[in-house]
Amino acid sequence: MRVRIGIADTAREVELDVDDADEFIGALEAAYANGDALLWVEDTGGHRVGVPLARLGFVEFEPEQKVSVGFVPGA
């Protein structure tokens, strides 16, 4: 699942592919509850990203889109 994270006061967005959206949401909520400064996330490719929680603008989930290749009858 694709996660897009907006950082306040910047034009940048962080985009990650994660295996489990509910696990990501749980980690985000736990980081807020603990008063953590950063949320460290590892995507499916092994990249680690630190997101500053005080500047979190939004979090958006985009389900995987299945792409059809080739001839599709009736299309």
PDB file of N, CA and C in Angstrom:
ATOM      1  N   MET A   1       0.845  -1.165   0.000  1.00  0.00           N
ATOM      2  CA  MET A   1       0.000   0.000   0.000  1.00  0.00           C
ATOM      3  C   MET A   1       0.895   1.234   0.000  1.00  0.00           C
ATOM      4  N   ARG A   2       0.507   2.211  -0.762  1.00  0.00           N
ATOM      5  CA  ARG A   2       1.264   3.455  -0.878  1.00  0.00           C
ATOM      6  C   ARG A   2       0.796   4.438   0.194  1.00  0.00           C
ATOM      7  N   VAL A   3       1.753   5.036   0.919  1.00  0.00           N
ATOM      8  CA  VAL A   3       1.461   6.046   1.933  1.00  0.00           C
ATOM      9  C   VAL A   3       2.111   7.341   1.491  1.00  0.00           C
ATOM     10  N   ARG A   4       1.344   8.412   1.487  1.00  0.00           N
ATOM     11  CA  ARG A   4       1.853   9.745   1.157  1.00  0.00           C
ATOM     12  C   ARG A   4       1.738  10.589   2.421  1.00  0.00           C
ATOM     13  N   ILE A   5       2.859  11.186   2.836  1.00  0.00           N
ATOM     14  CA  ILE A   5       2.918  11.980   4.062  1.00  0.00           C
ATOM     15  C   ILE A   5       3.307  13.393   3.697  1.00  0.00           C
ATOM     16  N   GLY A   6       2.463  14.345   4.076  1.00  0.00           N
ATOM     17  CA  GLY A   6       2.749  15.751   3.829  1.00  0.00           C
ATOM     18  C   GLY A   6       3.421  16.381   5.030  1.00  0.00           C
ATOM     19  N   ILE A   7       4.433  17.175   4.770  1.00  0.00           N
ATOM     20  CA  ILE A   7       5.162  17.881   5.822  1.00  0.00           C
ATOM     21  C   ILE A   7       4.743  19.346   5.773  1.00  0.00           C
ATOM     22  N   ALA A   8       4.297  19.887   6.911  1.00  0.00           N
ATOM     23  CA  ALA A   8       3.793  21.257   6.991  1.00  0.00           C
ATOM     24  C   ALA A   8       4.863  22.265   6.580  1.00  0.00           C
ATOM     25  N   ASP A   9       4.414  23.324   5.923  1.00  0.00           N
ATOM     26  CA  ASP A   9       5.256  24.449   5.522  1.00  0.00           C
ATOM     27  C   ASP A   9       6.340  24.092   4.514  1.00  0.00           C
ATOM     28  N   THR A  10       6.177  22.971   3.827  1.00  0.00           N
ATOM     29  CA  THR A  10       7.100  22.607   2.760  1.00  0.00           C
ATOM     30  C   THR A  10       6.288  22.062   1.585  1.00  0.00           C
ATOM     31  N   ALA A  11       6.879  22.089   0.442  1.00  0.00           N
ATOM     32  CA  ALA A  11       6.209  21.547  -0.734  1.00  0.00           C
ATOM     33  C   ALA A  11       6.522  20.060  -0.904  1.00  0.00           C
ATOM     34  N   ARG A  12       7.276  19.500   0.025  1.00  0.00           N
ATOM     35  CA  ARG A  12       7.693  18.104  -0.079  1.00  0.00           C
ATOM     36  C   ARG A  12       6.662  17.165   0.506  1.00  0.00           C
ATOM     37  N   GLU A  13       6.578  16.006  -0.103  1.00  0.00           N
ATOM     38  CA  GLU A  13       5.796  14.903   0.423  1.00  0.00           C
ATOM     39  C   GLU A  13       6.700  13.680   0.462  1.00  0.00           C
ATOM     40  N   VAL A  14       6.474  12.838   1.456  1.00  0.00           N
ATOM     41  CA  VAL A  14       7.205  11.586   1.560  1.00  0.00           C
ATOM     42  C   VAL A  14       6.267  10.490   1.074  1.00  0.00           C
ATOM     43  N   GLU A  15       6.735   9.670   0.146  1.00  0.00           N
ATOM     44  CA  GLU A  15       5.934   8.566  -0.360  1.00  0.00           C
ATOM     45  C   GLU A  15       6.642   7.262  -0.055  1.00  0.00           C
ATOM     46  N   LEU A  16       5.893   6.332   0.536  1.00  0.00           N
ATOM     47  CA  LEU A  16       6.439   5.049   0.931  1.00  0.00           C
ATOM     48  C   LEU A  16       5.493   3.936   0.521  1.00  0.00           C
ATOM     49  N   ASP A  17       6.041   2.759   0.281  1.00  0.00           N
ATOM     50  CA  ASP A  17       5.234   1.562   0.100  1.00  0.00           C
ATOM     51  C   ASP A  17       5.359   0.748   1.379  1.00  0.00           C
ATOM     52  N   VAL A  18       4.230   0.468   2.026  1.00  0.00           N
ATOM     53  CA  VAL A  18       4.228  -0.319   3.255  1.00  0.00           C
ATOM     54  C   VAL A  18       3.376  -1.562   3.052  1.00  0.00           C
ATOM     55  N   ASP A  19       3.685  -2.604   3.826  1.00  0.00           N
ATOM     56  CA  ASP A  19       2.945  -3.855   3.718  1.00  0.00           C
ATOM     57  C   ASP A  19       1.586  -3.779   4.410  1.00  0.00           C
ATOM     58  N   ASP A  20       1.542  -3.107   5.569  1.00  0.00           N
ATOM     59  CA  ASP A  20       0.341  -3.124   6.392  1.00  0.00           C
ATOM     60  C   ASP A  20      -0.018  -1.715   6.839  1.00  0.00           C
ATOM     61  N   ALA A  21      -1.136  -1.195   6.335  1.00  0.00           N
ATOM     62  CA  ALA A  21      -1.568   0.164   6.684  1.00  0.00           C
ATOM     63  C   ALA A  21      -1.925   0.271   8.156  1.00  0.00           C
ATOM     64  N   ASP A  22      -2.577  -0.758   8.709  1.00  0.00           N
ATOM     65  CA  ASP A  22      -2.964  -0.722  10.125  1.00  0.00           C
ATOM     66  C   ASP A  22      -1.747  -0.693  11.039  1.00  0.00           C
ATOM     67  N   GLU A  23      -0.689  -1.391  10.658  1.00  0.00           N
ATOM     68  CA  GLU A  23       0.555  -1.376  11.438  1.00  0.00           C
ATOM     69  C   GLU A  23       1.180   0.024  11.399  1.00  0.00           C
ATOM     70  N   PHE A  24       1.147   0.656  10.233  1.00  0.00           N
ATOM     71  CA  PHE A  24       1.678   2.009  10.094  1.00  0.00           C
ATOM     72  C   PHE A  24       0.883   2.985  10.968  1.00  0.00           C
ATOM     73  N   ILE A  25      -0.442   2.889  10.923  1.00  0.00           N
ATOM     74  CA  ILE A  25      -1.295   3.768  11.729  1.00  0.00           C
ATOM     75  C   ILE A  25      -1.025   3.553  13.214  1.00  0.00           C
ATOM     76  N   GLY A  26      -0.876   2.297  13.626  1.00  0.00           N
ATOM     77  CA  GLY A  26      -0.562   2.001  15.028  1.00  0.00           C
ATOM     78  C   GLY A  26       0.754   2.610  15.466  1.00  0.00           C
ATOM     79  N   ALA A  27       1.773   2.514  14.603  1.00  0.00           N
ATOM     80  CA  ALA A  27       3.086   3.094  14.925  1.00  0.00           C
ATOM     81  C   ALA A  27       2.992   4.614  15.018  1.00  0.00           C
ATOM     82  N   LEU A  28       2.215   5.230  14.127  1.00  0.00           N
ATOM     83  CA  LEU A  28       2.036   6.680  14.145  1.00  0.00           C
ATOM     84  C   LEU A  28       1.330   7.123  15.426  1.00  0.00           C
ATOM     85  N   GLU A  29       0.259   6.443  15.781  1.00  0.00           N
ATOM     86  CA  GLU A  29      -0.477   6.798  16.998  1.00  0.00           C
ATOM     87  C   GLU A  29       0.362   6.573  18.250  1.00  0.00           C
ATOM     88  N   ALA A  30       1.155   5.500  18.273  1.00  0.00           N
ATOM     89  CA  ALA A  30       2.026   5.234  19.421  1.00  0.00           C
ATOM     90  C   ALA A  30       3.103   6.304  19.553  1.00  0.00           C
ATOM     91  N   ALA A  31       3.658   6.753  18.425  1.00  0.00           N
ATOM     92  CA  ALA A  31       4.688   7.798  18.458  1.00  0.00           C
ATOM     93  C   ALA A  31       4.112   9.098  19.008  1.00  0.00           C
ATOM     94  N   TYR A  32       2.886   9.444  18.600  1.00  0.00           N
ATOM     95  CA  TYR A  32       2.230  10.637  19.143  1.00  0.00           C
ATOM     96  C   TYR A  32       1.982  10.487  20.639  1.00  0.00           C
ATOM     97  N   ALA A  33       1.495   9.323  21.053  1.00  0.00           N
ATOM     98  CA  ALA A  33       1.186   9.091  22.465  1.00  0.00           C
ATOM     99  C   ALA A  33       2.440   9.146  23.337  1.00  0.00           C
ATOM    100  N   ASN A  34       3.581   8.697  22.791  1.00  0.00           N
ATOM    101  CA  ASN A  34       4.847   8.715  23.537  1.00  0.00           C
ATOM    102  C   ASN A  34       5.528  10.071  23.520  1.00  0.00           C
ATOM    103  N   GLY A  35       5.034  10.995  22.691  1.00  0.00           N
ATOM    104  CA  GLY A  35       5.660  12.308  22.581  1.00  0.00           C
ATOM    105  C   GLY A  35       6.957  12.286  21.793  1.00  0.00           C
ATOM    106  N   ASP A  36       7.093  11.303  20.894  1.00  0.00           N
ATOM    107  CA  ASP A  36       8.313  11.192  20.091  1.00  0.00           C
ATOM    108  C   ASP A  36       8.434  12.368  19.123  1.00  0.00           C
ATOM    109  N   ALA A  37       9.658  12.763  18.829  1.00  0.00           N
ATOM    110  CA  ALA A  37       9.897  13.843  17.878  1.00  0.00           C
ATOM    111  C   ALA A  37       9.818  13.339  16.443  1.00  0.00           C
ATOM    112  N   LEU A  38      10.269  12.102  16.215  1.00  0.00           N
ATOM    113  CA  LEU A  38      10.291  11.521  14.876  1.00  0.00           C
ATOM    114  C   LEU A  38       9.574  10.179  14.868  1.00  0.00           C
ATOM    115  N   LEU A  39       8.948   9.892  13.745  1.00  0.00           N
ATOM    116  CA  LEU A  39       8.423   8.559  13.476  1.00  0.00           C
ATOM    117  C   LEU A  39       9.340   7.939  12.440  1.00  0.00           C
ATOM    118  N   TRP A  40      10.010   6.854  12.802  1.00  0.00           N
ATOM    119  CA  TRP A  40      10.885   6.169  11.866  1.00  0.00           C
ATOM    120  C   TRP A  40      10.101   5.063  11.193  1.00  0.00           C
ATOM    121  N   VAL A  41      10.116   5.076   9.861  1.00  0.00           N
ATOM    122  CA  VAL A  41       9.369   4.120   9.060  1.00  0.00           C
ATOM    123  C   VAL A  41      10.319   3.451   8.077  1.00  0.00           C
ATOM    124  N   GLU A  42      10.146   2.134   7.916  1.00  0.00           N
ATOM    125  CA  GLU A  42      10.909   1.400   6.900  1.00  0.00           C
ATOM    126  C   GLU A  42       9.929   0.899   5.851  1.00  0.00           C
ATOM    127  N   ASP A  43      10.208   1.230   4.589  1.00  0.00           N
ATOM    128  CA  ASP A  43       9.291   0.814   3.525  1.00  0.00           C
ATOM    129  C   ASP A  43       9.645  -0.588   3.039  1.00  0.00           C
ATOM    130  N   THR A  44       8.888  -1.081   2.074  1.00  0.00           N
ATOM    131  CA  THR A  44       9.084  -2.441   1.576  1.00  0.00           C
ATOM    132  C   THR A  44      10.433  -2.628   0.883  1.00  0.00           C
ATOM    133  N   GLY A  45      11.050  -1.537   0.457  1.00  0.00           N
ATOM    134  CA  GLY A  45      12.360  -1.609  -0.187  1.00  0.00           C
ATOM    135  C   GLY A  45      13.515  -1.515   0.785  1.00  0.00           C
ATOM    136  N   GLY A  46      13.232  -1.373   2.081  1.00  0.00           N
ATOM    137  CA  GLY A  46      14.276  -1.281   3.091  1.00  0.00           C
ATOM    138  C   GLY A  46      14.765   0.124   3.376  1.00  0.00           C
ATOM    139  N   HIS A  47      14.156   1.143   2.768  1.00  0.00           N
ATOM    140  CA  HIS A  47      14.537   2.532   3.027  1.00  0.00           C
ATOM    141  C   HIS A  47      13.924   2.989   4.339  1.00  0.00           C
ATOM    142  N   ARG A  48      14.721   3.648   5.176  1.00  0.00           N
ATOM    143  CA  ARG A  48      14.227   4.177   6.455  1.00  0.00           C
ATOM    144  C   ARG A  48      14.087   5.683   6.335  1.00  0.00           C
ATOM    145  N   VAL A  49      12.940   6.187   6.809  1.00  0.00           N
ATOM    146  CA  VAL A  49      12.644   7.609   6.725  1.00  0.00           C
ATOM    147  C   VAL A  49      12.168   8.073   8.087  1.00  0.00           C
ATOM    148  N   GLY A  50      12.682   9.217   8.545  1.00  0.00           N
ATOM    149  CA  GLY A  50      12.231   9.829   9.790  1.00  0.00           C
ATOM    150  C   GLY A  50      11.287  10.982   9.465  1.00  0.00           C
ATOM    151  N   VAL A  51      10.073  10.914   9.991  1.00  0.00           N
ATOM    152  CA  VAL A  51       9.072  11.943   9.744  1.00  0.00           C
ATOM    153  C   VAL A  51       8.911  12.769  11.016  1.00  0.00           C
ATOM    154  N   PRO A  52       9.122  14.100  10.945  1.00  0.00           N
ATOM    155  CA  PRO A  52       8.973  14.952  12.134  1.00  0.00           C
ATOM    156  C   PRO A  52       7.488  15.107  12.493  1.00  0.00           C
ATOM    157  N   LEU A  53       7.086  14.563  13.634  1.00  0.00           N
ATOM    158  CA  LEU A  53       5.676  14.545  14.002  1.00  0.00           C
ATOM    159  C   LEU A  53       5.096  15.932  14.241  1.00  0.00           C
ATOM    160  N   ALA A  54       5.906  16.866  14.717  1.00  0.00           N
ATOM    161  CA  ALA A  54       5.408  18.218  14.978  1.00  0.00           C
ATOM    162  C   ALA A  54       5.055  18.945  13.684  1.00  0.00           C
ATOM    163  N   ARG A  55       5.583  18.482  12.556  1.00  0.00           N
ATOM    164  CA  ARG A  55       5.343  19.151  11.275  1.00  0.00           C
ATOM    165  C   ARG A  55       4.516  18.297  10.319  1.00  0.00           C
ATOM    166  N   LEU A  56       3.877  17.266  10.850  1.00  0.00           N
ATOM    167  CA  LEU A  56       3.060  16.376  10.029  1.00  0.00           C
ATOM    168  C   LEU A  56       1.841  17.120   9.522  1.00  0.00           C
ATOM    169  N   GLY A  57       1.687  17.178   8.193  1.00  0.00           N
ATOM    170  CA  GLY A  57       0.567  17.888   7.590  1.00  0.00           C
ATOM    171  C   GLY A  57      -0.610  16.967   7.314  1.00  0.00           C
ATOM    172  N   PHE A  58      -0.335  15.815   6.694  1.00  0.00           N
ATOM    173  CA  PHE A  58      -1.388  14.837   6.412  1.00  0.00           C
ATOM    174  C   PHE A  58      -0.773  13.481   6.133  1.00  0.00           C
ATOM    175  N   VAL A  59      -1.603  12.454   6.226  1.00  0.00           N
ATOM    176  CA  VAL A  59      -1.222  11.095   5.853  1.00  0.00           C
ATOM    177  C   VAL A  59      -2.322  10.562   4.954  1.00  0.00           C
ATOM    178  N   GLU A  60      -1.928  10.075   3.788  1.00  0.00           N
ATOM    179  CA  GLU A  60      -2.905   9.589   2.805  1.00  0.00           C
ATOM    180  C   GLU A  60      -2.496   8.187   2.370  1.00  0.00           C
ATOM    181  N   PHE A  61      -3.474   7.284   2.330  1.00  0.00           N
ATOM    182  CA  PHE A  61      -3.225   5.919   1.891  1.00  0.00           C
ATOM    183  C   PHE A  61      -3.831   5.714   0.516  1.00  0.00           C
ATOM    184  N   GLU A  62      -3.078   5.074  -0.353  1.00  0.00           N
ATOM    185  CA  GLU A  62      -3.547   4.782  -1.704  1.00  0.00           C
ATOM    186  C   GLU A  62      -3.421   3.272  -1.919  1.00  0.00           C
ATOM    187  N   PRO A  63      -4.551   2.598  -2.132  1.00  0.00           N
ATOM    188  CA  PRO A  63      -4.474   1.150  -2.337  1.00  0.00           C
ATOM    189  C   PRO A  63      -3.721   0.826  -3.625  1.00  0.00           C
ATOM    190  N   GLU A  64      -3.174  -0.366  -3.666  1.00  0.00           N
ATOM    191  CA  GLU A  64      -2.455  -0.794  -4.859  1.00  0.00           C
ATOM    192  C   GLU A  64      -3.421  -0.885  -6.026  1.00  0.00           C
ATOM    193  N   GLN A  65      -2.991  -0.409  -7.164  1.00  0.00           N
ATOM    194  CA  GLN A  65      -3.809  -0.462  -8.361  1.00  0.00           C
ATOM    195  C   GLN A  65      -3.302  -1.585  -9.237  1.00  0.00           C
ATOM    196  N   LYS A  66      -4.213  -2.450  -9.637  1.00  0.00           N
ATOM    197  CA  LYS A  66      -3.842  -3.544 -10.522  1.00  0.00           C
ATOM    198  C   LYS A  66      -3.876  -3.033 -11.956  1.00  0.00           C
ATOM    199  N   VAL A  67      -2.811  -3.265 -12.663  1.00  0.00           N
ATOM    200  CA  VAL A  67      -2.680  -2.792 -14.035  1.00  0.00           C
ATOM    201  C   VAL A  67      -2.874  -3.977 -14.972  1.00  0.00           C
ATOM    202  N   SER A  68      -3.805  -3.832 -15.889  1.00  0.00           N
ATOM    203  CA  SER A  68      -4.019  -4.875 -16.889  1.00  0.00           C
ATOM    204  C   SER A  68      -3.094  -4.618 -18.068  1.00  0.00           C
ATOM    205  N   VAL A  69      -2.478  -5.664 -18.524  1.00  0.00           N
ATOM    206  CA  VAL A  69      -1.585  -5.567 -19.669  1.00  0.00           C
ATOM    207  C   VAL A  69      -2.112  -6.522 -20.737  1.00  0.00           C
ATOM    208  N   GLY A  70      -2.235  -5.999 -21.945  1.00  0.00           N
ATOM    209  CA  GLY A  70      -2.691  -6.830 -23.050  1.00  0.00           C
ATOM    210  C   GLY A  70      -4.148  -6.601 -23.372  1.00  0.00           C
ATOM    211  N   PHE A  71      -4.712  -7.519 -24.110  1.00  0.00           N
ATOM    212  CA  PHE A  71      -6.076  -7.413 -24.592  1.00  0.00           C
ATOM    213  C   PHE A  71      -7.069  -7.748 -23.477  1.00  0.00           C
ATOM    214  N   VAL A  72      -8.076  -6.881 -23.310  1.00  0.00           N
ATOM    215  CA  VAL A  72      -9.135  -7.101 -22.330  1.00  0.00           C
ATOM    216  C   VAL A  72     -10.453  -7.232 -23.099  1.00  0.00           C
ATOM    217  N   PRO A  73     -11.053  -8.430 -23.092  1.00  0.00           N
ATOM    218  CA  PRO A  73     -12.303  -8.625 -23.834  1.00  0.00           C
ATOM    219  C   PRO A  73     -13.412  -7.715 -23.305  1.00  0.00           C
ATOM    220  N   GLY A  74     -14.194  -7.137 -24.230  1.00  0.00           N
ATOM    221  CA  GLY A  74     -15.325  -6.306 -23.836  1.00  0.00           C
ATOM    222  C   GLY A  74     -14.951  -4.882 -23.472  1.00  0.00           C
ATOM    223  N   ALA A  75     -13.688  -4.524 -23.586  1.00  0.00           N
ATOM    224  CA  ALA A  75     -13.279  -3.167 -23.216  1.00  0.00           C
ATOM    225  C   ALA A  75     -13.392  -2.226 -24.390  1.00  0.00           C
TER     226      ALA A  75
END
